[in-house]
N, C-alpha and C. Protein backbone atom coordinates (compact mmCIF):
# COMPACT_ATOMS: atom_id res chain seq x y z
N UNK A 1 47.93 -50.76 51.42
CA UNK A 1 47.61 -51.92 52.20
C UNK A 1 47.66 -53.14 51.29
N UNK A 2 48.33 -54.15 51.73
CA UNK A 2 48.45 -55.39 50.97
C UNK A 2 47.29 -56.31 51.32
N UNK A 3 46.60 -56.80 50.30
CA UNK A 3 45.44 -57.66 50.48
C UNK A 3 45.66 -58.93 49.67
N UNK A 4 45.55 -60.07 50.32
CA UNK A 4 45.69 -61.35 49.63
C UNK A 4 44.43 -61.67 48.83
N UNK A 5 44.54 -62.61 47.91
CA UNK A 5 43.40 -62.95 47.06
C UNK A 5 42.22 -63.47 47.87
N UNK A 6 42.49 -64.08 49.03
CA UNK A 6 41.41 -64.60 49.87
C UNK A 6 40.61 -63.47 50.51
N UNK A 7 41.25 -62.36 50.81
CA UNK A 7 40.59 -61.24 51.49
C UNK A 7 40.05 -60.18 50.52
N UNK A 8 40.34 -60.31 49.24
CA UNK A 8 39.99 -59.26 48.28
C UNK A 8 38.48 -59.01 48.21
N UNK A 9 37.69 -60.05 48.13
CA UNK A 9 36.24 -59.87 48.01
C UNK A 9 35.68 -59.10 49.20
N UNK A 10 36.10 -59.45 50.39
CA UNK A 10 35.62 -58.75 51.59
C UNK A 10 36.08 -57.29 51.59
N UNK A 11 37.30 -57.03 51.17
CA UNK A 11 37.81 -55.67 51.14
C UNK A 11 37.05 -54.84 50.11
N UNK A 12 36.73 -55.43 48.96
CA UNK A 12 36.01 -54.70 47.93
C UNK A 12 34.60 -54.33 48.37
N UNK A 13 33.97 -55.18 49.17
CA UNK A 13 32.62 -54.88 49.66
C UNK A 13 32.63 -53.73 50.66
N UNK A 14 33.71 -53.59 51.43
CA UNK A 14 33.82 -52.49 52.40
C UNK A 14 34.00 -51.16 51.69
N UNK A 15 34.96 -51.10 50.79
CA UNK A 15 35.27 -49.84 50.10
C UNK A 15 36.11 -50.11 48.87
N UNK A 16 35.90 -49.31 47.86
CA UNK A 16 36.69 -49.41 46.64
C UNK A 16 37.82 -48.39 46.73
N UNK A 17 39.04 -48.85 46.64
CA UNK A 17 40.21 -47.97 46.74
C UNK A 17 40.47 -47.28 45.40
N UNK A 18 41.16 -46.16 45.40
CA UNK A 18 41.47 -45.48 44.14
C UNK A 18 42.60 -46.14 43.34
N UNK A 19 43.36 -47.04 43.98
CA UNK A 19 44.50 -47.65 43.30
C UNK A 19 44.65 -49.11 43.71
N UNK A 20 44.83 -49.98 42.71
CA UNK A 20 45.11 -51.39 42.95
C UNK A 20 46.29 -51.80 42.09
N UNK A 21 47.23 -52.52 42.69
CA UNK A 21 48.34 -53.10 41.96
C UNK A 21 48.21 -54.61 42.14
N UNK A 22 47.96 -55.31 41.05
CA UNK A 22 47.75 -56.75 41.10
C UNK A 22 49.00 -57.43 40.55
N UNK A 23 49.55 -58.34 41.33
CA UNK A 23 50.74 -59.07 40.89
C UNK A 23 50.77 -60.42 41.60
N UNK A 24 51.59 -61.31 41.08
CA UNK A 24 51.74 -62.60 41.73
C UNK A 24 52.33 -63.63 40.79
N UNK A 25 52.67 -64.77 41.36
CA UNK A 25 53.28 -65.85 40.59
C UNK A 25 52.25 -66.67 39.81
N UNK A 26 50.98 -66.60 40.22
CA UNK A 26 49.92 -67.35 39.58
C UNK A 26 49.11 -66.44 38.66
N UNK A 27 49.30 -66.53 37.34
CA UNK A 27 48.58 -65.64 36.42
C UNK A 27 47.06 -65.74 36.55
N UNK A 28 46.54 -66.93 36.80
CA UNK A 28 45.09 -67.09 36.91
C UNK A 28 44.56 -66.32 38.12
N UNK A 29 45.26 -66.39 39.25
CA UNK A 29 44.82 -65.66 40.44
C UNK A 29 44.87 -64.15 40.22
N UNK A 30 45.90 -63.68 39.53
CA UNK A 30 46.01 -62.25 39.23
C UNK A 30 44.87 -61.82 38.30
N UNK A 31 44.56 -62.63 37.31
CA UNK A 31 43.48 -62.32 36.38
C UNK A 31 42.14 -62.28 37.11
N UNK A 32 41.91 -63.25 38.00
CA UNK A 32 40.66 -63.28 38.76
C UNK A 32 40.54 -62.07 39.69
N UNK A 33 41.64 -61.67 40.30
CA UNK A 33 41.63 -60.50 41.18
C UNK A 33 41.28 -59.24 40.38
N UNK A 34 41.89 -59.08 39.22
CA UNK A 34 41.60 -57.91 38.38
C UNK A 34 40.14 -57.93 37.93
N UNK A 35 39.62 -59.11 37.60
CA UNK A 35 38.22 -59.24 37.21
C UNK A 35 37.29 -58.82 38.35
N UNK A 36 37.61 -59.22 39.56
CA UNK A 36 36.79 -58.85 40.72
C UNK A 36 36.80 -57.34 40.94
N UNK A 37 37.97 -56.74 40.81
CA UNK A 37 38.08 -55.28 41.00
C UNK A 37 37.26 -54.55 39.94
N UNK A 38 37.40 -54.96 38.68
CA UNK A 38 36.64 -54.33 37.60
C UNK A 38 35.14 -54.50 37.80
N UNK A 39 34.71 -55.70 38.20
CA UNK A 39 33.28 -55.96 38.42
C UNK A 39 32.73 -55.09 39.54
N UNK A 40 33.46 -54.98 40.65
CA UNK A 40 33.01 -54.14 41.76
C UNK A 40 32.95 -52.68 41.34
N UNK A 41 33.93 -52.24 40.56
CA UNK A 41 33.93 -50.86 40.09
C UNK A 41 32.71 -50.61 39.19
N UNK A 42 32.43 -51.53 38.29
CA UNK A 42 31.25 -51.37 37.43
C UNK A 42 29.97 -51.33 38.25
N UNK A 43 29.89 -52.20 39.25
CA UNK A 43 28.70 -52.27 40.11
C UNK A 43 28.49 -50.99 40.91
N UNK A 44 29.54 -50.24 41.16
CA UNK A 44 29.41 -49.00 41.94
C UNK A 44 29.45 -47.75 41.06
N UNK A 45 29.24 -47.92 39.76
CA UNK A 45 29.07 -46.76 38.90
C UNK A 45 30.26 -46.33 38.06
N UNK A 46 31.32 -47.09 38.05
CA UNK A 46 32.48 -46.76 37.21
C UNK A 46 32.21 -47.38 35.84
N UNK A 47 31.68 -46.60 34.93
CA UNK A 47 31.18 -47.16 33.68
C UNK A 47 32.14 -47.03 32.49
N UNK A 48 33.11 -46.16 32.57
CA UNK A 48 34.06 -46.00 31.47
C UNK A 48 35.38 -46.66 31.84
N UNK A 49 36.02 -47.31 30.87
CA UNK A 49 37.28 -48.01 31.12
C UNK A 49 38.27 -47.69 30.01
N UNK A 50 39.48 -47.33 30.42
CA UNK A 50 40.57 -47.08 29.47
C UNK A 50 41.71 -48.02 29.81
N UNK A 51 42.20 -48.75 28.79
CA UNK A 51 43.27 -49.72 29.00
C UNK A 51 44.51 -49.25 28.26
N UNK A 52 45.63 -49.18 28.99
CA UNK A 52 46.93 -48.85 28.42
C UNK A 52 47.85 -50.05 28.63
N UNK A 53 48.62 -50.39 27.62
CA UNK A 53 49.57 -51.50 27.73
C UNK A 53 50.98 -50.95 27.56
N UNK A 54 51.77 -51.06 28.62
CA UNK A 54 53.13 -50.52 28.63
C UNK A 54 54.11 -51.59 28.14
N UNK A 55 54.29 -51.61 26.84
CA UNK A 55 55.27 -52.51 26.26
C UNK A 55 56.52 -51.70 25.94
N UNK A 56 57.48 -52.32 25.29
CA UNK A 56 58.73 -51.63 24.96
C UNK A 56 58.43 -50.34 24.19
N UNK A 57 59.10 -49.26 24.55
CA UNK A 57 58.96 -47.93 23.93
C UNK A 57 57.59 -47.30 24.21
N UNK A 58 56.96 -47.67 25.31
CA UNK A 58 55.68 -47.08 25.69
C UNK A 58 55.88 -45.61 26.04
N UNK A 59 54.97 -44.77 25.61
CA UNK A 59 55.01 -43.34 25.91
C UNK A 59 54.30 -43.12 27.24
N UNK A 60 55.07 -42.93 28.30
CA UNK A 60 54.52 -42.82 29.65
C UNK A 60 53.70 -41.55 29.84
N UNK A 61 53.81 -40.61 28.94
CA UNK A 61 52.95 -39.42 29.06
C UNK A 61 51.49 -39.77 28.81
N UNK A 62 51.23 -40.91 28.16
CA UNK A 62 49.85 -41.36 27.95
C UNK A 62 49.15 -41.65 29.27
N UNK A 63 49.90 -42.15 30.25
CA UNK A 63 49.32 -42.40 31.56
C UNK A 63 48.92 -41.09 32.22
N UNK A 64 49.80 -40.12 32.18
CA UNK A 64 49.50 -38.80 32.74
C UNK A 64 48.29 -38.19 32.03
N UNK A 65 48.27 -38.27 30.71
CA UNK A 65 47.17 -37.71 29.94
C UNK A 65 45.84 -38.40 30.27
N UNK A 66 45.88 -39.71 30.45
CA UNK A 66 44.66 -40.44 30.80
C UNK A 66 44.13 -39.98 32.15
N UNK A 67 45.03 -39.75 33.09
CA UNK A 67 44.62 -39.30 34.41
C UNK A 67 44.07 -37.88 34.41
N UNK A 68 44.55 -37.05 33.51
CA UNK A 68 44.12 -35.65 33.48
C UNK A 68 42.90 -35.44 32.59
N UNK A 69 42.60 -36.38 31.73
CA UNK A 69 41.49 -36.22 30.78
C UNK A 69 40.15 -36.27 31.51
N UNK A 70 39.24 -35.45 31.06
CA UNK A 70 37.88 -35.46 31.59
C UNK A 70 37.04 -36.42 30.74
N UNK A 71 36.22 -37.19 31.40
CA UNK A 71 35.34 -38.11 30.70
C UNK A 71 34.16 -37.36 30.08
N UNK A 72 33.84 -37.70 28.85
CA UNK A 72 32.70 -37.07 28.19
C UNK A 72 31.39 -37.77 28.53
N UNK A 73 31.46 -39.07 28.85
CA UNK A 73 30.24 -39.85 28.99
C UNK A 73 30.00 -40.38 30.38
N UNK A 74 31.00 -40.41 31.23
CA UNK A 74 30.84 -41.01 32.55
C UNK A 74 31.53 -40.13 33.59
N UNK A 75 30.96 -40.09 34.76
CA UNK A 75 31.59 -39.30 35.82
C UNK A 75 32.65 -40.11 36.56
N UNK A 76 32.55 -41.44 36.46
CA UNK A 76 33.52 -42.32 37.12
C UNK A 76 34.12 -43.25 36.08
N UNK A 77 35.43 -43.52 36.23
CA UNK A 77 36.08 -44.37 35.22
C UNK A 77 37.17 -45.23 35.83
N UNK A 78 37.57 -46.20 35.05
CA UNK A 78 38.64 -47.13 35.42
C UNK A 78 39.78 -46.89 34.43
N UNK A 79 40.97 -46.69 34.96
CA UNK A 79 42.17 -46.65 34.11
C UNK A 79 42.97 -47.89 34.45
N UNK A 80 43.17 -48.71 33.45
CA UNK A 80 43.90 -49.97 33.64
C UNK A 80 45.22 -49.88 32.89
N UNK A 81 46.30 -50.06 33.63
CA UNK A 81 47.64 -50.05 33.04
C UNK A 81 48.20 -51.46 33.13
N UNK A 82 48.48 -52.04 31.99
CA UNK A 82 49.05 -53.39 31.94
C UNK A 82 50.53 -53.28 31.63
N UNK A 83 51.33 -53.96 32.43
CA UNK A 83 52.78 -54.00 32.22
C UNK A 83 53.15 -55.48 32.06
N UNK A 84 53.11 -55.99 30.82
CA UNK A 84 53.27 -57.42 30.59
C UNK A 84 54.54 -58.05 31.18
N UNK A 85 55.66 -57.34 31.13
CA UNK A 85 56.89 -57.93 31.68
C UNK A 85 57.09 -57.60 33.15
N UNK A 86 56.21 -56.75 33.70
CA UNK A 86 56.29 -56.40 35.12
C UNK A 86 57.39 -55.41 35.48
N UNK A 87 58.08 -54.88 34.47
CA UNK A 87 59.20 -53.97 34.72
C UNK A 87 58.98 -52.67 33.96
N UNK A 88 58.58 -51.61 34.65
CA UNK A 88 58.33 -50.35 33.95
C UNK A 88 59.59 -49.60 33.55
N UNK A 89 60.73 -49.96 34.11
CA UNK A 89 61.96 -49.25 33.80
C UNK A 89 62.06 -47.96 34.59
N UNK A 90 63.12 -47.23 34.38
CA UNK A 90 63.37 -45.99 35.13
C UNK A 90 62.32 -44.94 34.78
N UNK A 91 62.11 -44.71 33.49
CA UNK A 91 61.14 -43.70 33.07
C UNK A 91 59.73 -44.07 33.54
N UNK A 92 59.37 -45.33 33.40
CA UNK A 92 58.06 -45.79 33.84
C UNK A 92 57.89 -45.69 35.34
N UNK A 93 58.94 -46.02 36.08
CA UNK A 93 58.88 -45.92 37.53
C UNK A 93 58.64 -44.49 37.97
N UNK A 94 59.31 -43.55 37.32
CA UNK A 94 59.12 -42.13 37.64
C UNK A 94 57.70 -41.70 37.30
N UNK A 95 57.21 -42.13 36.13
CA UNK A 95 55.85 -41.77 35.72
C UNK A 95 54.81 -42.34 36.68
N UNK A 96 55.02 -43.56 37.13
CA UNK A 96 54.10 -44.18 38.08
C UNK A 96 54.10 -43.45 39.42
N UNK A 97 55.28 -43.06 39.88
CA UNK A 97 55.36 -42.31 41.14
C UNK A 97 54.62 -40.98 41.04
N UNK A 98 54.81 -40.28 39.95
CA UNK A 98 54.14 -39.00 39.76
C UNK A 98 52.63 -39.18 39.66
N UNK A 99 52.20 -40.20 38.93
CA UNK A 99 50.77 -40.47 38.78
C UNK A 99 50.14 -40.82 40.13
N UNK A 100 50.79 -41.68 40.88
CA UNK A 100 50.25 -42.13 42.17
C UNK A 100 50.29 -41.03 43.23
N UNK A 101 51.17 -40.07 43.07
CA UNK A 101 51.23 -38.96 44.02
C UNK A 101 50.01 -38.05 43.90
N UNK A 102 49.38 -38.05 42.75
CA UNK A 102 48.20 -37.21 42.52
C UNK A 102 47.16 -38.01 41.72
N UNK A 103 46.59 -39.02 42.37
CA UNK A 103 45.61 -39.87 41.69
C UNK A 103 44.41 -39.04 41.25
N UNK A 104 43.90 -39.32 40.04
CA UNK A 104 42.76 -38.54 39.55
C UNK A 104 41.49 -38.85 40.35
N UNK A 105 40.64 -37.85 40.54
CA UNK A 105 39.40 -38.07 41.27
C UNK A 105 38.41 -38.92 40.48
N UNK A 106 37.52 -39.59 41.18
CA UNK A 106 36.47 -40.42 40.55
C UNK A 106 37.03 -41.44 39.57
N UNK A 107 38.21 -41.95 39.90
CA UNK A 107 38.89 -42.91 39.03
C UNK A 107 39.47 -44.03 39.87
N UNK A 108 39.27 -45.26 39.40
CA UNK A 108 39.94 -46.41 39.99
C UNK A 108 41.06 -46.77 39.02
N UNK A 109 42.27 -46.83 39.52
CA UNK A 109 43.42 -47.20 38.70
C UNK A 109 43.82 -48.62 39.05
N UNK A 110 43.93 -49.45 38.02
CA UNK A 110 44.28 -50.85 38.18
C UNK A 110 45.57 -51.11 37.40
N UNK A 111 46.61 -51.47 38.11
CA UNK A 111 47.91 -51.75 37.47
C UNK A 111 48.18 -53.23 37.60
């Protein structure tokens, strides 16, 4: 479901989704949207956060491993994948499709 920045706060109060993809032409609005999602996740008990940055030569198996790993300290976690150029490439696209087809439980994924 596509949610605009104006509707994001109301949507987050209703329910926290397991997957968010934040993008747009305005970097400040994208940053604010990601901040809101992270804050809502923290407020609802998602206490652990793992950040991956997919730059050139990124090992996409790290995303799969992050999704399959069990948390030692928290039952709920946030996995944040940053793609600075916005283009995951063929390998990244395949890895994202596989990851999204089987989202990890008790995890909010923010791309």
